[in-house]
Amino acid sequence: MGATPGRIMRIFIIQGAVIGVFGTLTGTALGIFGALNISGFISWLESALGHQFLSADVYFISYLPSQLQLQDVLIISGAGLAMSLLATIYPAWRASRVEPAEALRYE
């Protein structure tokens, strides 16, 4: 009665992949921005609140170090994308097994 189970599964996987790619790219961009600007943000937050979070007389360091490495970004982004793609397989498989009349029965 319309789409084959394989076609339905493909539609769900494509939708999941699009959402996963968008989420991964957005998260990667925000993560890079945050890593490059964390020291400035902490300085701004300390001055806004009037409290020093990493006092030099208490801690060994008085700032929050951040070193952005391309390999780390690629590994984390790749893992996030892979997990999002893997997470689409089971729902796509389940959706492809549902009979249309059964799905519409409770609507």
PDB file of N, CA and C in Angstrom:
ATOM      1  N   MET A   1       0.834  -1.180   0.000  1.00  0.00           N
ATOM      2  CA  MET A   1       0.000   0.000   0.000  1.00  0.00           C
ATOM      3  C   MET A   1       0.881   1.247   0.000  1.00  0.00           C
ATOM      4  N   GLY A   2       1.770   1.361  -0.897  1.00  0.00           N
ATOM      5  CA  GLY A   2       2.623   2.544  -0.943  1.00  0.00           C
ATOM      6  C   GLY A   2       4.086   2.168  -0.893  1.00  0.00           C
ATOM      7  N   ALA A   3       4.775   2.725   0.076  1.00  0.00           N
ATOM      8  CA  ALA A   3       6.222   2.533   0.184  1.00  0.00           C
ATOM      9  C   ALA A   3       6.555   1.138   0.704  1.00  0.00           C
ATOM     10  N   THR A   4       7.633   0.617   0.204  1.00  0.00           N
ATOM     11  CA  THR A   4       8.112  -0.689   0.670  1.00  0.00           C
ATOM     12  C   THR A   4       8.822  -0.508   2.010  1.00  0.00           C
ATOM     13  N   PRO A   5       8.981  -1.589   2.767  1.00  0.00           N
ATOM     14  CA  PRO A   5       9.709  -1.476   4.044  1.00  0.00           C
ATOM     15  C   PRO A   5      11.126  -0.924   3.875  1.00  0.00           C
ATOM     16  N   GLY A   6      11.787  -1.306   2.802  1.00  0.00           N
ATOM     17  CA  GLY A   6      13.133  -0.788   2.557  1.00  0.00           C
ATOM     18  C   GLY A   6      13.135   0.716   2.320  1.00  0.00           C
ATOM     19  N   ARG A   7      12.133   1.187   1.610  1.00  0.00           N
ATOM     20  CA  ARG A   7      12.015   2.623   1.331  1.00  0.00           C
ATOM     21  C   ARG A   7      11.734   3.400   2.620  1.00  0.00           C
ATOM     22  N   ILE A   8      10.868   2.864   3.460  1.00  0.00           N
ATOM     23  CA  ILE A   8      10.561   3.522   4.737  1.00  0.00           C
ATOM     24  C   ILE A   8      11.806   3.573   5.615  1.00  0.00           C
ATOM     25  N   MET A   9      12.542   2.482   5.651  1.00  0.00           N
ATOM     26  CA  MET A   9      13.765   2.449   6.452  1.00  0.00           C
ATOM     27  C   MET A   9      14.774   3.468   5.929  1.00  0.00           C
ATOM     28  N   ARG A  10      14.895   3.564   4.625  1.00  0.00           N
ATOM     29  CA  ARG A  10      15.813   4.521   4.018  1.00  0.00           C
ATOM     30  C   ARG A  10      15.421   5.961   4.361  1.00  0.00           C
ATOM     31  N   ILE A  11      14.131   6.254   4.347  1.00  0.00           N
ATOM     32  CA  ILE A  11      13.657   7.601   4.684  1.00  0.00           C
ATOM     33  C   ILE A  11      14.036   7.955   6.120  1.00  0.00           C
ATOM     34  N   PHE A  12      13.806   7.032   7.044  1.00  0.00           N
ATOM     35  CA  PHE A  12      14.138   7.293   8.446  1.00  0.00           C
ATOM     36  C   PHE A  12      15.642   7.458   8.645  1.00  0.00           C
ATOM     37  N   ILE A  13      16.429   6.652   7.960  1.00  0.00           N
ATOM     38  CA  ILE A  13      17.886   6.754   8.102  1.00  0.00           C
ATOM     39  C   ILE A  13      18.393   8.073   7.520  1.00  0.00           C
ATOM     40  N   ILE A  14      17.845   8.489   6.397  1.00  0.00           N
ATOM     41  CA  ILE A  14      18.257   9.768   5.811  1.00  0.00           C
ATOM     42  C   ILE A  14      17.889  10.924   6.734  1.00  0.00           C
ATOM     43  N   GLN A  15      16.687  10.886   7.291  1.00  0.00           N
ATOM     44  CA  GLN A  15      16.281  11.942   8.227  1.00  0.00           C
ATOM     45  C   GLN A  15      17.203  11.970   9.448  1.00  0.00           C
ATOM     46  N   GLY A  16      17.513  10.806   9.983  1.00  0.00           N
ATOM     47  CA  GLY A  16      18.419  10.736  11.130  1.00  0.00           C
ATOM     48  C   GLY A  16      19.812  11.227  10.786  1.00  0.00           C
ATOM     49  N   ALA A  17      20.269  10.909   9.583  1.00  0.00           N
ATOM     50  CA  ALA A  17      21.600  11.351   9.161  1.00  0.00           C
ATOM     51  C   ALA A  17      21.652  12.867   9.010  1.00  0.00           C
ATOM     52  N   VAL A  18      20.611  13.447   8.447  1.00  0.00           N
ATOM     53  CA  VAL A  18      20.576  14.907   8.283  1.00  0.00           C
ATOM     54  C   VAL A  18      20.591  15.590   9.647  1.00  0.00           C
ATOM     55  N   ILE A  19      19.773  15.101  10.558  1.00  0.00           N
ATOM     56  CA  ILE A  19      19.742  15.678  11.905  1.00  0.00           C
ATOM     57  C   ILE A  19      21.084  15.471  12.604  1.00  0.00           C
ATOM     58  N   GLY A  20      21.678  14.288  12.449  1.00  0.00           N
ATOM     59  CA  GLY A  20      22.969  14.002  13.067  1.00  0.00           C
ATOM     60  C   GLY A  20      24.084  14.875  12.532  1.00  0.00           C
ATOM     61  N   VAL A  21      24.114  15.084  11.229  1.00  0.00           N
ATOM     62  CA  VAL A  21      25.146  15.938  10.630  1.00  0.00           C
ATOM     63  C   VAL A  21      24.971  17.379  11.101  1.00  0.00           C
ATOM     64  N   PHE A  22      23.737  17.867  11.087  1.00  0.00           N
ATOM     65  CA  PHE A  22      23.483  19.234  11.546  1.00  0.00           C
ATOM     66  C   PHE A  22      23.887  19.401  13.011  1.00  0.00           C
ATOM     67  N   GLY A  23      23.508  18.457  13.842  1.00  0.00           N
ATOM     68  CA  GLY A  23      23.859  18.527  15.260  1.00  0.00           C
ATOM     69  C   GLY A  23      25.354  18.435  15.495  1.00  0.00           C
ATOM     70  N   THR A  24      26.017  17.574  14.750  1.00  0.00           N
ATOM     71  CA  THR A  24      27.465  17.429  14.896  1.00  0.00           C
ATOM     72  C   THR A  24      28.194  18.696  14.463  1.00  0.00           C
ATOM     73  N   LEU A  25      27.790  19.263  13.342  1.00  0.00           N
ATOM     74  CA  LEU A  25      28.432  20.498  12.876  1.00  0.00           C
ATOM     75  C   LEU A  25      28.184  21.657  13.839  1.00  0.00           C
ATOM     76  N   THR A  26      26.965  21.756  14.348  1.00  0.00           N
ATOM     77  CA  THR A  26      26.649  22.819  15.302  1.00  0.00           C
ATOM     78  C   THR A  26      27.445  22.641  16.594  1.00  0.00           C
ATOM     79  N   GLY A  27      27.474  21.424  17.104  1.00  0.00           N
ATOM     80  CA  GLY A  27      28.224  21.152  18.328  1.00  0.00           C
ATOM     81  C   GLY A  27      29.714  21.367  18.162  1.00  0.00           C
ATOM     82  N   THR A  28      30.243  20.988  17.014  1.00  0.00           N
ATOM     83  CA  THR A  28      31.668  21.195  16.754  1.00  0.00           C
ATOM     84  C   THR A  28      31.997  22.683  16.698  1.00  0.00           C
ATOM     85  N   ALA A  29      31.171  23.443  16.008  1.00  0.00           N
ATOM     86  CA  ALA A  29      31.411  24.891  15.914  1.00  0.00           C
ATOM     87  C   ALA A  29      31.331  25.555  17.286  1.00  0.00           C
ATOM     88  N   LEU A  30      30.319  25.199  18.065  1.00  0.00           N
ATOM     89  CA  LEU A  30      30.195  25.788  19.406  1.00  0.00           C
ATOM     90  C   LEU A  30      31.334  25.339  20.318  1.00  0.00           C
ATOM     91  N   GLY A  31      31.760  24.098  20.186  1.00  0.00           N
ATOM     92  CA  GLY A  31      32.876  23.603  20.990  1.00  0.00           C
ATOM     93  C   GLY A  31      34.184  24.299  20.660  1.00  0.00           C
ATOM     94  N   ILE A  32      34.440  24.503  19.379  1.00  0.00           N
ATOM     95  CA  ILE A  32      35.661  25.212  18.971  1.00  0.00           C
ATOM     96  C   ILE A  32      35.618  26.652  19.464  1.00  0.00           C
ATOM     97  N   PHE A  33      34.475  27.296  19.289  1.00  0.00           N
ATOM     98  CA  PHE A  33      34.330  28.674  19.769  1.00  0.00           C
ATOM     99  C   PHE A  33      34.554  28.748  21.280  1.00  0.00           C
ATOM    100  N   GLY A  34      33.975  27.817  22.012  1.00  0.00           N
ATOM    101  CA  GLY A  34      34.140  27.806  23.463  1.00  0.00           C
ATOM    102  C   GLY A  34      35.576  27.547  23.887  1.00  0.00           C
ATOM    103  N   ALA A  35      36.237  26.616  23.209  1.00  0.00           N
ATOM    104  CA  ALA A  35      37.620  26.293  23.566  1.00  0.00           C
ATOM    105  C   ALA A  35      38.562  27.461  23.287  1.00  0.00           C
ATOM    106  N   LEU A  36      38.302  28.188  22.222  1.00  0.00           N
ATOM    107  CA  LEU A  36      39.170  29.313  21.879  1.00  0.00           C
ATOM    108  C   LEU A  36      38.920  30.541  22.755  1.00  0.00           C
ATOM    109  N   ASN A  37      37.748  30.629  23.368  1.00  0.00           N
ATOM    110  CA  ASN A  37      37.386  31.827  24.129  1.00  0.00           C
ATOM    111  C   ASN A  37      37.145  31.577  25.613  1.00  0.00           C
ATOM    112  N   ILE A  38      37.525  30.426  26.135  1.00  0.00           N
ATOM    113  CA  ILE A  38      37.215  30.096  27.524  1.00  0.00           C
ATOM    114  C   ILE A  38      37.933  31.019  28.514  1.00  0.00           C
ATOM    115  N   SER A  39      39.171  31.371  28.246  1.00  0.00           N
ATOM    116  CA  SER A  39      39.905  32.242  29.177  1.00  0.00           C
ATOM    117  C   SER A  39      39.259  33.615  29.268  1.00  0.00           C
ATOM    118  N   GLY A  40      38.890  34.164  28.125  1.00  0.00           N
ATOM    119  CA  GLY A  40      38.222  35.467  28.122  1.00  0.00           C
ATOM    120  C   GLY A  40      36.869  35.415  28.802  1.00  0.00           C
ATOM    121  N   PHE A  41      36.144  34.319  28.603  1.00  0.00           N
ATOM    122  CA  PHE A  41      34.837  34.179  29.236  1.00  0.00           C
ATOM    123  C   PHE A  41      34.967  34.075  30.752  1.00  0.00           C
ATOM    124  N   ILE A  42      35.937  33.310  31.217  1.00  0.00           N
ATOM    125  CA  ILE A  42      36.143  33.168  32.664  1.00  0.00           C
ATOM    126  C   ILE A  42      36.553  34.509  33.267  1.00  0.00           C
ATOM    127  N   SER A  43      37.415  35.244  32.577  1.00  0.00           N
ATOM    128  CA  SER A  43      37.816  36.575  33.069  1.00  0.00           C
ATOM    129  C   SER A  43      36.612  37.502  33.158  1.00  0.00           C
ATOM    130  N   TRP A  44      35.780  37.481  32.137  1.00  0.00           N
ATOM    131  CA  TRP A  44      34.569  38.313  32.145  1.00  0.00           C
ATOM    132  C   TRP A  44      33.634  37.897  33.280  1.00  0.00           C
ATOM    133  N   LEU A  45      33.464  36.598  33.464  1.00  0.00           N
ATOM    134  CA  LEU A  45      32.576  36.097  34.511  1.00  0.00           C
ATOM    135  C   LEU A  45      33.097  36.467  35.899  1.00  0.00           C
ATOM    136  N   GLU A  46      34.410  36.362  36.087  1.00  0.00           N
ATOM    137  CA  GLU A  46      34.999  36.738  37.377  1.00  0.00           C
ATOM    138  C   GLU A  46      34.794  38.221  37.669  1.00  0.00           C
ATOM    139  N   SER A  47      34.973  39.059  36.657  1.00  0.00           N
ATOM    140  CA  SER A  47      34.788  40.495  36.888  1.00  0.00           C
ATOM    141  C   SER A  47      33.309  40.840  37.068  1.00  0.00           C
ATOM    142  N   ALA A  48      32.433  40.136  36.376  1.00  0.00           N
ATOM    143  CA  ALA A  48      30.999  40.405  36.510  1.00  0.00           C
ATOM    144  C   ALA A  48      30.477  39.986  37.881  1.00  0.00           C
ATOM    145  N   LEU A  49      30.989  38.878  38.404  1.00  0.00           N
ATOM    146  CA  LEU A  49      30.525  38.388  39.700  1.00  0.00           C
ATOM    147  C   LEU A  49      31.350  38.916  40.866  1.00  0.00           C
ATOM    148  N   GLY A  50      32.512  39.486  40.565  1.00  0.00           N
ATOM    149  CA  GLY A  50      33.376  39.995  41.623  1.00  0.00           C
ATOM    150  C   GLY A  50      34.002  38.892  42.453  1.00  0.00           C
ATOM    151  N   HIS A  51      34.208  37.749  41.853  1.00  0.00           N
ATOM    152  CA  HIS A  51      34.778  36.604  42.556  1.00  0.00           C
ATOM    153  C   HIS A  51      35.802  35.929  41.656  1.00  0.00           C
ATOM    154  N   GLN A  52      36.959  35.611  42.211  1.00  0.00           N
ATOM    155  CA  GLN A  52      37.990  34.936  41.435  1.00  0.00           C
ATOM    156  C   GLN A  52      37.872  33.434  41.672  1.00  0.00           C
ATOM    157  N   PHE A  53      37.610  32.693  40.605  1.00  0.00           N
ATOM    158  CA  PHE A  53      37.399  31.253  40.712  1.00  0.00           C
ATOM    159  C   PHE A  53      38.691  30.487  40.941  1.00  0.00           C
ATOM    160  N   LEU A  54      39.742  30.868  40.250  1.00  0.00           N
ATOM    161  CA  LEU A  54      41.024  30.168  40.362  1.00  0.00           C
ATOM    162  C   LEU A  54      42.049  31.104  40.994  1.00  0.00           C
ATOM    163  N   SER A  55      41.977  31.228  42.275  1.00  0.00           N
ATOM    164  CA  SER A  55      42.885  32.114  42.994  1.00  0.00           C
ATOM    165  C   SER A  55      44.293  31.524  42.992  1.00  0.00           C
ATOM    166  N   ALA A  56      45.289  32.354  42.666  1.00  0.00           N
ATOM    167  CA  ALA A  56      46.675  31.889  42.561  1.00  0.00           C
ATOM    168  C   ALA A  56      47.239  31.449  43.908  1.00  0.00           C
ATOM    169  N   ASP A  57      46.736  31.982  45.010  1.00  0.00           N
ATOM    170  CA  ASP A  57      47.255  31.575  46.312  1.00  0.00           C
ATOM    171  C   ASP A  57      46.652  30.253  46.795  1.00  0.00           C
ATOM    172  N   VAL A  58      45.632  29.750  46.112  1.00  0.00           N
ATOM    173  CA  VAL A  58      45.017  28.476  46.482  1.00  0.00           C
ATOM    174  C   VAL A  58      45.381  27.373  45.487  1.00  0.00           C
ATOM    175  N   TYR A  59      45.363  27.705  44.206  1.00  0.00           N
ATOM    176  CA  TYR A  59      45.599  26.718  43.150  1.00  0.00           C
ATOM    177  C   TYR A  59      46.955  26.947  42.491  1.00  0.00           C
ATOM    178  N   PHE A  60      47.446  25.926  41.817  1.00  0.00           N
ATOM    179  CA  PHE A  60      48.720  26.039  41.107  1.00  0.00           C
ATOM    180  C   PHE A  60      48.606  26.926  39.870  1.00  0.00           C
ATOM    181  N   ILE A  61      47.411  27.031  39.325  1.00  0.00           N
ATOM    182  CA  ILE A  61      47.199  27.871  38.146  1.00  0.00           C
ATOM    183  C   ILE A  61      46.138  28.912  38.462  1.00  0.00           C
ATOM    184  N   SER A  62      46.240  30.057  37.811  1.00  0.00           N
ATOM    185  CA  SER A  62      45.264  31.118  38.053  1.00  0.00           C
ATOM    186  C   SER A  62      44.395  31.375  36.824  1.00  0.00           C
ATOM    187  N   TYR A  63      44.449  30.483  35.855  1.00  0.00           N
ATOM    188  CA  TYR A  63      43.637  30.618  34.647  1.00  0.00           C
ATOM    189  C   TYR A  63      43.214  29.224  34.193  1.00  0.00           C
ATOM    190  N   LEU A  64      42.263  29.177  33.296  1.00  0.00           N
ATOM    191  CA  LEU A  64      41.774  27.906  32.770  1.00  0.00           C
ATOM    192  C   LEU A  64      42.408  27.676  31.401  1.00  0.00           C
ATOM    193  N   PRO A  65      43.377  26.773  31.317  1.00  0.00           N
ATOM    194  CA  PRO A  65      44.056  26.564  30.035  1.00  0.00           C
ATOM    195  C   PRO A  65      43.172  25.776  29.064  1.00  0.00           C
ATOM    196  N   SER A  66      43.304  26.100  27.805  1.00  0.00           N
ATOM    197  CA  SER A  66      42.571  25.391  26.769  1.00  0.00           C
ATOM    198  C   SER A  66      43.449  25.307  25.533  1.00  0.00           C
ATOM    199  N   GLN A  67      43.675  24.093  25.080  1.00  0.00           N
ATOM    200  CA  GLN A  67      44.496  23.890  23.892  1.00  0.00           C
ATOM    201  C   GLN A  67      43.675  23.089  22.890  1.00  0.00           C
ATOM    202  N   LEU A  68      43.324  23.713  21.795  1.00  0.00           N
ATOM    203  CA  LEU A  68      42.519  23.078  20.760  1.00  0.00           C
ATOM    204  C   LEU A  68      43.426  22.269  19.841  1.00  0.00           C
ATOM    205  N   GLN A  69      43.106  20.982  19.690  1.00  0.00           N
ATOM    206  CA  GLN A  69      43.896  20.118  18.816  1.00  0.00           C
ATOM    207  C   GLN A  69      42.982  19.519  17.758  1.00  0.00           C
ATOM    208  N   LEU A  70      43.413  19.609  16.521  1.00  0.00           N
ATOM    209  CA  LEU A  70      42.611  19.148  15.395  1.00  0.00           C
ATOM    210  C   LEU A  70      42.251  17.669  15.530  1.00  0.00           C
ATOM    211  N   GLN A  71      43.180  16.860  15.970  1.00  0.00           N
ATOM    212  CA  GLN A  71      42.923  15.430  16.109  1.00  0.00           C
ATOM    213  C   GLN A  71      41.788  15.167  17.103  1.00  0.00           C
ATOM    214  N   ASP A  72      41.768  15.886  18.209  1.00  0.00           N
ATOM    215  CA  ASP A  72      40.697  15.727  19.191  1.00  0.00           C
ATOM    216  C   ASP A  72      39.347  16.136  18.609  1.00  0.00           C
ATOM    217  N   VAL A  73      39.339  17.247  17.893  1.00  0.00           N
ATOM    218  CA  VAL A  73      38.097  17.729  17.283  1.00  0.00           C
ATOM    219  C   VAL A  73      37.567  16.702  16.293  1.00  0.00           C
ATOM    220  N   LEU A  74      38.445  16.152  15.465  1.00  0.00           N
ATOM    221  CA  LEU A  74      38.020  15.174  14.464  1.00  0.00           C
ATOM    222  C   LEU A  74      37.521  13.878  15.101  1.00  0.00           C
ATOM    223  N   ILE A  75      38.198  13.412  16.133  1.00  0.00           N
ATOM    224  CA  ILE A  75      37.787  12.168  16.795  1.00  0.00           C
ATOM    225  C   ILE A  75      36.428  12.342  17.465  1.00  0.00           C
ATOM    226  N   ILE A  76      36.257  13.420  18.209  1.00  0.00           N
ATOM    227  CA  ILE A  76      34.995  13.644  18.917  1.00  0.00           C
ATOM    228  C   ILE A  76      33.854  13.886  17.939  1.00  0.00           C
ATOM    229  N   SER A  77      34.099  14.667  16.900  1.00  0.00           N
ATOM    230  CA  SER A  77      33.056  14.921  15.902  1.00  0.00           C
ATOM    231  C   SER A  77      32.686  13.636  15.167  1.00  0.00           C
ATOM    232  N   GLY A  78      33.681  12.853  14.817  1.00  0.00           N
ATOM    233  CA  GLY A  78      33.415  11.578  14.145  1.00  0.00           C
ATOM    234  C   GLY A  78      32.640  10.617  15.024  1.00  0.00           C
ATOM    235  N   ALA A  79      32.991  10.569  16.298  1.00  0.00           N
ATOM    236  CA  ALA A  79      32.270   9.694  17.228  1.00  0.00           C
ATOM    237  C   ALA A  79      30.825  10.157  17.399  1.00  0.00           C
ATOM    238  N   GLY A  80      30.620  11.451  17.490  1.00  0.00           N
ATOM    239  CA  GLY A  80      29.255  11.977  17.613  1.00  0.00           C
ATOM    240  C   GLY A  80      28.420  11.674  16.386  1.00  0.00           C
ATOM    241  N   LEU A  81      29.010  11.827  15.223  1.00  0.00           N
ATOM    242  CA  LEU A  81      28.299  11.527  13.983  1.00  0.00           C
ATOM    243  C   LEU A  81      27.995  10.035  13.875  1.00  0.00           C
ATOM    244  N   ALA A  82      28.960   9.202  14.219  1.00  0.00           N
ATOM    245  CA  ALA A  82      28.745   7.752  14.163  1.00  0.00           C
ATOM    246  C   ALA A  82      27.641   7.320  15.126  1.00  0.00           C
ATOM    247  N   MET A  83      27.634   7.878  16.329  1.00  0.00           N
ATOM    248  CA  MET A  83      26.585   7.515  17.293  1.00  0.00           C
ATOM    249  C   MET A  83      25.212   7.964  16.820  1.00  0.00           C
ATOM    250  N   SER A  84      25.141   9.136  16.213  1.00  0.00           N
ATOM    251  CA  SER A  84      23.841   9.597  15.727  1.00  0.00           C
ATOM    252  C   SER A  84      23.347   8.722  14.577  1.00  0.00           C
ATOM    253  N   LEU A  85      24.249   8.275  13.721  1.00  0.00           N
ATOM    254  CA  LEU A  85      23.845   7.394  12.629  1.00  0.00           C
ATOM    255  C   LEU A  85      23.437   6.018  13.148  1.00  0.00           C
ATOM    256  N   LEU A  86      24.178   5.502  14.111  1.00  0.00           N
ATOM    257  CA  LEU A  86      23.810   4.209  14.695  1.00  0.00           C
ATOM    258  C   LEU A  86      22.472   4.280  15.429  1.00  0.00           C
ATOM    259  N   ALA A  87      22.194   5.425  16.020  1.00  0.00           N
ATOM    260  CA  ALA A  87      20.946   5.582  16.768  1.00  0.00           C
ATOM    261  C   ALA A  87      19.725   5.632  15.856  1.00  0.00           C
ATOM    262  N   THR A  88      19.906   5.829  14.571  1.00  0.00           N
ATOM    263  CA  THR A  88      18.765   5.869  13.653  1.00  0.00           C
ATOM    264  C   THR A  88      18.374   4.487  13.142  1.00  0.00           C
ATOM    265  N   ILE A  89      19.251   3.519  13.270  1.00  0.00           N
ATOM    266  CA  ILE A  89      19.001   2.220  12.639  1.00  0.00           C
ATOM    267  C   ILE A  89      17.818   1.492  13.273  1.00  0.00           C
ATOM    268  N   TYR A  90      17.779   1.379  14.582  1.00  0.00           N
ATOM    269  CA  TYR A  90      16.696   0.630  15.225  1.00  0.00           C
ATOM    270  C   TYR A  90      15.326   1.278  15.005  1.00  0.00           C
ATOM    271  N   PRO A  91      15.168   2.595  15.218  1.00  0.00           N
ATOM    272  CA  PRO A  91      13.856   3.188  14.927  1.00  0.00           C
ATOM    273  C   PRO A  91      13.454   3.050  13.458  1.00  0.00           C
ATOM    274  N   ALA A  92      14.418   3.135  12.561  1.00  0.00           N
ATOM    275  CA  ALA A  92      14.109   2.971  11.137  1.00  0.00           C
ATOM    276  C   ALA A  92      13.646   1.547  10.860  1.00  0.00           C
ATOM    277  N   TRP A  93      14.295   0.595  11.461  1.00  0.00           N
ATOM    278  CA  TRP A  93      13.915  -0.807  11.279  1.00  0.00           C
ATOM    279  C   TRP A  93      12.512  -1.058  11.833  1.00  0.00           C
ATOM    280  N   ARG A  94      12.240  -0.506  13.034  1.00  0.00           N
ATOM    281  CA  ARG A  94      10.909  -0.679  13.634  1.00  0.00           C
ATOM    282  C   ARG A  94       9.829  -0.020  12.777  1.00  0.00           C
ATOM    283  N   ALA A  95      10.104   1.164  12.266  1.00  0.00           N
ATOM    284  CA  ALA A  95       9.121   1.865  11.437  1.00  0.00           C
ATOM    285  C   ALA A  95       8.852   1.110  10.144  1.00  0.00           C
ATOM    286  N   SER A  96       9.857   0.452   9.616  1.00  0.00           N
ATOM    287  CA  SER A  96       9.663  -0.283   8.366  1.00  0.00           C
ATOM    288  C   SER A  96       8.836  -1.549   8.569  1.00  0.00           C
ATOM    289  N   ARG A  97       8.709  -2.015   9.788  1.00  0.00           N
ATOM    290  CA  ARG A  97       7.955  -3.237  10.086  1.00  0.00           C
ATOM    291  C   ARG A  97       6.495  -2.972  10.447  1.00  0.00           C
ATOM    292  N   VAL A  98       6.122  -1.718  10.630  1.00  0.00           N
ATOM    293  CA  VAL A  98       4.749  -1.381  11.022  1.00  0.00           C
ATOM    294  C   VAL A  98       3.842  -1.428   9.795  1.00  0.00           C
ATOM    295  N   GLU A  99       2.724  -2.109   9.943  1.00  0.00           N
ATOM    296  CA  GLU A  99       1.728  -2.143   8.875  1.00  0.00           C
ATOM    297  C   GLU A  99       0.957  -0.823   8.877  1.00  0.00           C
ATOM    298  N   PRO A 100       0.697  -0.234   7.701  1.00  0.00           N
ATOM    299  CA  PRO A 100       0.007   1.063   7.657  1.00  0.00           C
ATOM    300  C   PRO A 100      -1.359   1.045   8.339  1.00  0.00           C
ATOM    301  N   ALA A 101      -2.124  -0.001   8.142  1.00  0.00           N
ATOM    302  CA  ALA A 101      -3.450  -0.064   8.762  1.00  0.00           C
ATOM    303  C   ALA A 101      -3.333  -0.121  10.285  1.00  0.00           C
ATOM    304  N   GLU A 102      -2.344  -0.822  10.779  1.00  0.00           N
ATOM    305  CA  GLU A 102      -2.131  -0.921  12.227  1.00  0.00           C
ATOM    306  C   GLU A 102      -1.716   0.430  12.810  1.00  0.00           C
ATOM    307  N   ALA A 103      -0.875   1.151  12.092  1.00  0.00           N
ATOM    308  CA  ALA A 103      -0.415   2.458  12.567  1.00  0.00           C
ATOM    309  C   ALA A 103      -1.555   3.467  12.593  1.00  0.00           C
ATOM    310  N   LEU A 104      -2.466   3.369  11.634  1.00  0.00           N
ATOM    311  CA  LEU A 104      -3.570   4.323  11.555  1.00  0.00           C
ATOM    312  C   LEU A 104      -4.742   3.958  12.459  1.00  0.00           C
ATOM    313  N   ARG A 105      -4.758   2.769  12.984  1.00  0.00           N
ATOM    314  CA  ARG A 105      -5.874   2.312  13.806  1.00  0.00           C
ATOM    315  C   ARG A 105      -6.088   3.196  15.029  1.00  0.00           C
ATOM    316  N   TYR A 106      -5.032   3.656  15.643  1.00  0.00           N
ATOM    317  CA  TYR A 106      -5.145   4.413  16.890  1.00  0.00           C
ATOM    318  C   TYR A 106      -5.083   5.923  16.669  1.00  0.00           C
ATOM    319  N   GLU A 107      -5.148   6.355  15.445  1.00  0.00           N
ATOM    320  CA  GLU A 107      -5.122   7.795  15.150  1.00  0.00           C
ATOM    321  C   GLU A 107      -6.500   8.387  15.246  1.00  0.00           C
TER     322      GLU A 107
END
